[in-house]
Amino acid sequence: MTARTATHTRSFVTWIWEWTKSIVVALVVWFFLRTFLVEAFRIPSGSMENTLLVGDFLFVNKALYGAEVPLIHARLPAVREPERSDILVFDSVEDEGLKVVKRLIGMPGDTLYMEDGQLYRDGQRVNEPYAMPADPQRSEDPIQRAKMREWQLRYLVQRNPTTYQPDLQDWGPIVVPADSFFMMGDNRDSSYDGRYWGFLPRANVRGRPLVVYFSYDASSWRALPFFTAVRWGRIFAQPE
């Protein structure tokens, strides 16, 4: 091997090594950011309209409520605990691996009920400017109503359990247990939320939407040009 060839070989090896180090560092940084700070999330359904729309892409703040450390399943210290009206991204209580986004309606110890589509907390009517108007006449099918009744009976207060028949817009009063939250979608008539599956364990909380980094109208994505389908006005919006 000539000196010139050896020099070129060393240069190539050095180049490969530098690129490998750069890629490894980038992957480590990406893994750290995704695990402990920020994760991307896409809105797949209309359960949070009009706060969040189908086709919204979010960055989720995972550090706010304490990110989970992989493998050991411990949590980092939270900046603060979830509060009423916070929008939370969390692990589904029914489908493993599925992440869901809803609004926190009830904290531990809160007594909640709905009457004709209006929410009450601790006996006081709750002002919900974020919620889409509910249809107080809408009723669920008998199977879903039986599912609601089954889990709610354990937490029911001030009602006769034998005659209790909850419905989508009329249920409770129920008391939120310790280390749990009650979650509902802003689009009350099209949200599969806590009314159906019960309370959310604190351990399932993953983060809070930070900002909408991209949004498009899913219904017109194929029919309209790209720039027309993009909701430019929603980019960098902060969901509240």
Protein backbone atom coordinates (compact mmCIF):
# COMPACT_ATOMS: atom_id res chain seq x y z
CA MET A 1 0.00 0.00 0.00
CA THR A 2 1.42 3.36 -0.96
CA ALA A 3 1.67 6.26 1.46
CA ARG A 4 -0.95 8.14 -0.55
CA THR A 5 -3.38 5.21 -0.43
CA ALA A 6 -2.80 4.78 3.31
CA THR A 7 -3.51 8.46 3.84
CA HIS A 8 -6.75 8.24 1.88
CA THR A 9 -7.77 5.15 3.86
CA ARG A 10 -7.11 6.88 7.17
CA SER A 11 -9.06 9.91 5.98
CA PHE A 12 -12.01 7.73 4.97
CA VAL A 13 -11.97 5.88 8.31
CA THR A 14 -11.78 9.20 10.15
CA TRP A 15 -14.69 10.54 8.09
CA ILE A 16 -16.77 7.43 8.84
CA TRP A 17 -15.93 7.67 12.55
CA GLU A 18 -16.86 11.35 12.75
CA TRP A 19 -20.17 10.72 11.00
CA THR A 20 -20.89 7.74 13.27
CA LYS A 21 -20.22 9.84 16.36
CA SER A 22 -22.48 12.61 15.05
CA ILE A 23 -25.31 10.17 14.33
CA VAL A 24 -24.96 8.48 17.74
CA VAL A 25 -24.98 11.85 19.52
CA ALA A 26 -28.02 12.95 17.51
CA LEU A 27 -29.87 9.72 18.38
CA VAL A 28 -29.02 10.07 22.07
CA VAL A 29 -30.22 13.67 22.10
CA TRP A 30 -33.40 12.71 20.23
CA PHE A 31 -34.07 9.82 22.63
CA PHE A 32 -33.51 12.09 25.64
CA LEU A 33 -35.81 14.81 24.29
CA ARG A 34 -38.55 12.35 23.31
CA THR A 35 -38.39 10.43 26.58
CA PHE A 36 -38.13 13.24 29.09
CA LEU A 37 -39.16 16.52 27.47
CA VAL A 38 -41.27 16.60 24.28
CA GLU A 39 -43.12 14.05 22.16
CA ALA A 40 -45.15 14.45 18.96
CA PHE A 41 -48.85 13.54 18.96
CA ARG A 42 -51.53 13.59 16.24
CA ILE A 43 -55.24 14.23 16.85
CA PRO A 44 -57.12 11.33 15.19
CA SER A 45 -60.73 12.10 16.22
CA GLY A 46 -63.11 14.98 16.83
CA SER A 47 -63.66 14.33 20.55
CA MET A 48 -61.88 17.57 21.54
CA GLU A 49 -63.40 19.90 18.95
CA ASN A 50 -63.25 22.83 18.71
CA THR A 51 -60.20 23.07 20.96
CA LEU A 52 -58.28 20.42 19.01
CA LEU A 53 -59.19 19.39 15.48
CA VAL A 54 -58.71 16.22 13.48
CA GLY A 55 -55.42 16.73 11.64
CA ASP A 56 -53.73 18.77 14.39
CA PHE A 57 -50.15 17.71 15.13
CA LEU A 58 -48.95 18.59 18.64
CA PHE A 59 -45.82 18.72 20.66
CA VAL A 60 -46.59 17.32 24.13
CA ASN A 61 -44.79 18.61 27.21
CA LYS A 62 -43.80 15.44 29.10
CA ALA A 63 -41.68 17.15 31.76
CA LEU A 64 -44.56 19.18 33.24
CA TYR A 65 -46.18 16.30 35.13
CA GLY A 66 -43.02 14.20 35.53
CA ALA A 67 -41.73 12.04 32.66
CA GLU A 68 -41.44 8.30 33.15
CA VAL A 69 -37.97 6.77 33.15
CA PRO A 70 -37.86 3.75 30.77
CA LEU A 71 -37.32 0.22 32.10
CA ILE A 72 -37.51 1.13 35.79
CA HIS A 73 -40.93 2.84 35.42
CA ALA A 74 -40.02 5.56 37.91
CA ARG A 75 -41.03 9.18 37.42
CA LEU A 76 -38.97 12.32 37.41
CA PRO A 77 -40.19 15.09 39.72
CA ALA A 78 -43.14 16.99 38.27
CA VAL A 79 -43.01 20.73 37.69
CA ARG A 80 -46.61 20.75 38.94
CA GLU A 81 -49.55 18.39 39.31
CA PRO A 82 -52.47 18.34 36.83
CA GLU A 83 -55.21 20.88 37.54
CA ARG A 84 -58.88 21.19 36.64
CA SER A 85 -59.43 22.12 32.98
CA ASP A 86 -55.94 20.99 31.94
CA ILE A 87 -55.81 19.13 28.63
CA LEU A 88 -53.96 15.86 29.22
CA VAL A 89 -52.39 13.27 26.95
CA PHE A 90 -52.53 9.90 28.67
CA ASP A 91 -52.35 6.14 28.21
CA SER A 92 -55.75 4.60 27.56
CA VAL A 93 -57.18 2.60 30.45
CA GLU A 94 -58.68 0.10 27.98
CA ASP A 95 -56.29 -0.22 25.03
CA GLU A 96 -52.63 -0.84 25.81
CA GLY A 97 -50.30 1.30 23.73
CA LEU A 98 -53.01 3.80 22.76
CA LYS A 99 -52.58 7.45 23.79
CA VAL A 100 -55.65 9.63 24.28
CA VAL A 101 -56.25 13.35 24.80
CA LYS A 102 -59.10 14.73 26.95
CA ARG A 103 -59.76 17.54 29.44
CA LEU A 104 -59.43 17.08 33.20
CA ILE A 105 -62.87 17.68 34.71
CA GLY A 106 -62.62 16.15 38.18
CA MET A 107 -59.86 15.97 40.79
CA PRO A 108 -59.67 13.52 43.72
CA GLY A 109 -62.50 14.25 46.16
CA ASP A 110 -64.66 16.16 43.65
CA THR A 111 -68.34 15.25 43.47
CA LEU A 112 -69.51 15.37 39.85
CA TYR A 113 -72.78 14.97 38.04
CA MET A 114 -74.46 15.99 34.80
CA GLU A 115 -78.05 17.06 34.38
CA ASP A 116 -79.51 17.78 30.93
CA GLY A 117 -76.00 18.03 29.53
CA GLN A 118 -74.79 20.54 32.13
CA LEU A 119 -71.86 19.63 34.37
CA TYR A 120 -71.93 20.26 38.13
CA ARG A 121 -68.98 20.02 40.51
CA ASP A 122 -69.51 19.95 44.29
CA GLY A 123 -73.05 21.22 43.76
CA GLN A 124 -72.01 24.20 41.63
CA ARG A 125 -72.66 24.57 37.92
CA VAL A 126 -69.36 24.53 36.01
CA ASN A 127 -68.71 27.21 33.43
CA GLU A 128 -67.23 25.43 30.40
CA PRO A 129 -66.51 27.89 27.57
CA TYR A 130 -64.39 25.24 25.85
CA ALA A 131 -67.20 22.65 25.58
CA MET A 132 -69.32 22.33 22.46
CA PRO A 133 -73.05 22.52 23.24
CA ALA A 134 -74.44 19.15 24.23
CA ASP A 135 -77.72 17.70 23.06
CA PRO A 136 -79.59 17.11 26.35
CA GLN A 137 -81.99 14.77 24.55
CA ARG A 138 -79.31 12.43 23.24
CA SER A 139 -79.40 8.97 24.81
CA GLU A 140 -76.95 6.09 24.65
CA ASP A 141 -77.93 2.55 23.75
CA PRO A 142 -78.80 0.10 26.57
CA ILE A 143 -75.43 -1.68 26.38
CA GLN A 144 -73.42 1.52 26.92
CA ARG A 145 -75.79 2.70 29.65
CA ALA A 146 -75.33 -0.61 31.45
CA LYS A 147 -71.55 -0.18 31.15
CA MET A 148 -71.80 3.30 32.68
CA ARG A 149 -73.95 2.05 35.53
CA GLU A 150 -71.65 -0.87 36.30
CA TRP A 151 -68.57 1.24 37.08
CA GLN A 152 -70.38 4.27 38.52
CA LEU A 153 -72.31 2.40 41.23
CA ARG A 154 -69.14 2.00 43.33
CA TYR A 155 -68.68 5.78 43.50
CA LEU A 156 -72.33 6.85 43.55
CA VAL A 157 -73.58 9.16 46.32
CA GLN A 158 -76.92 10.76 47.17
CA ARG A 159 -78.81 8.35 44.91
CA ASN A 160 -80.62 5.05 45.29
CA PRO A 161 -78.36 2.45 43.60
CA THR A 162 -81.24 0.13 42.80
CA THR A 163 -83.04 2.70 40.64
CA TYR A 164 -79.97 4.50 39.26
CA GLN A 165 -79.94 4.56 35.45
CA PRO A 166 -77.23 6.89 34.09
CA ASP A 167 -77.17 8.22 30.54
CA LEU A 168 -74.77 10.26 28.41
CA GLN A 169 -76.05 13.66 29.59
CA ASP A 170 -77.52 12.62 32.95
CA TRP A 171 -75.41 10.77 35.53
CA GLY A 172 -74.01 10.97 39.04
CA PRO A 173 -73.33 12.30 41.58
CA ILE A 174 -70.08 10.32 41.76
CA VAL A 175 -66.98 11.05 43.86
CA VAL A 176 -63.52 10.96 42.25
CA PRO A 177 -61.24 8.59 44.22
CA ALA A 178 -57.66 9.27 45.33
CA ASP A 179 -54.86 9.32 42.73
CA SER A 180 -57.43 9.51 39.91
CA PHE A 181 -58.96 12.05 37.54
CA PHE A 182 -62.23 12.28 35.63
CA MET A 183 -61.69 13.10 31.97
CA MET A 184 -64.13 14.33 29.30
CA GLY A 185 -63.87 15.51 25.71
CA ASP A 186 -64.88 19.05 24.78
CA ASN A 187 -67.13 17.67 22.04
CA ARG A 188 -69.49 16.07 24.53
CA ASP A 189 -71.76 14.33 22.02
CA SER A 190 -68.85 12.66 20.18
CA SER A 191 -66.42 11.77 22.93
CA TYR A 192 -65.67 8.31 24.28
CA ASP A 193 -64.46 9.50 27.66
CA GLY A 194 -64.65 8.88 31.40
CA ARG A 195 -68.41 8.59 31.32
CA TYR A 196 -67.93 5.22 29.62
CA TRP A 197 -64.69 3.80 31.04
CA GLY A 198 -64.37 5.44 34.44
CA PHE A 199 -61.54 7.26 36.18
CA LEU A 200 -58.03 7.87 34.91
CA PRO A 201 -55.19 6.75 37.22
CA ARG A 202 -52.58 9.46 37.85
CA ALA A 203 -49.91 7.03 36.67
CA ASN A 204 -51.40 7.05 33.14
CA VAL A 205 -50.79 10.77 32.59
CA ARG A 206 -48.07 11.44 30.01
CA GLY A 207 -48.15 15.18 29.38
CA ARG A 208 -49.93 18.29 28.23
CA PRO A 209 -50.21 19.68 24.67
CA LEU A 210 -47.62 22.40 24.25
CA VAL A 211 -48.18 23.76 20.76
CA VAL A 212 -49.76 22.83 17.42
CA TYR A 213 -46.81 22.56 15.03
CA PHE A 214 -48.85 21.54 11.97
CA SER A 215 -52.53 21.21 11.07
CA TYR A 216 -54.49 20.24 7.99
CA ASP A 217 -58.12 19.64 7.09
CA ALA A 218 -58.28 15.85 6.87
CA SER A 219 -61.64 15.90 5.07
CA SER A 220 -60.26 17.95 2.17
CA TRP A 221 -56.68 16.65 2.13
CA ARG A 222 -57.20 14.64 -1.09
CA ALA A 223 -59.62 17.06 -2.75
CA LEU A 224 -57.73 20.33 -2.25
CA PRO A 225 -54.19 21.44 -3.03
CA PHE A 226 -51.71 21.06 -0.16
CA PHE A 227 -51.47 24.76 0.69
CA THR A 228 -55.27 25.09 0.75
CA ALA A 229 -55.78 22.10 3.07
CA VAL A 230 -53.22 23.31 5.62
CA ARG A 231 -54.76 25.29 8.48
CA TRP A 232 -52.07 27.97 8.58
CA GLY A 233 -53.85 29.91 11.32
CA ARG A 234 -53.55 27.01 13.78
CA ILE A 235 -49.80 26.52 13.45
CA PHE A 236 -48.05 27.52 16.71
CA ALA A 237 -51.42 27.76 18.49
CA GLN A 238 -51.35 26.77 22.17
CA PRO A 239 -54.36 24.60 23.13
CA GLU A 240 -56.20 25.80 26.25
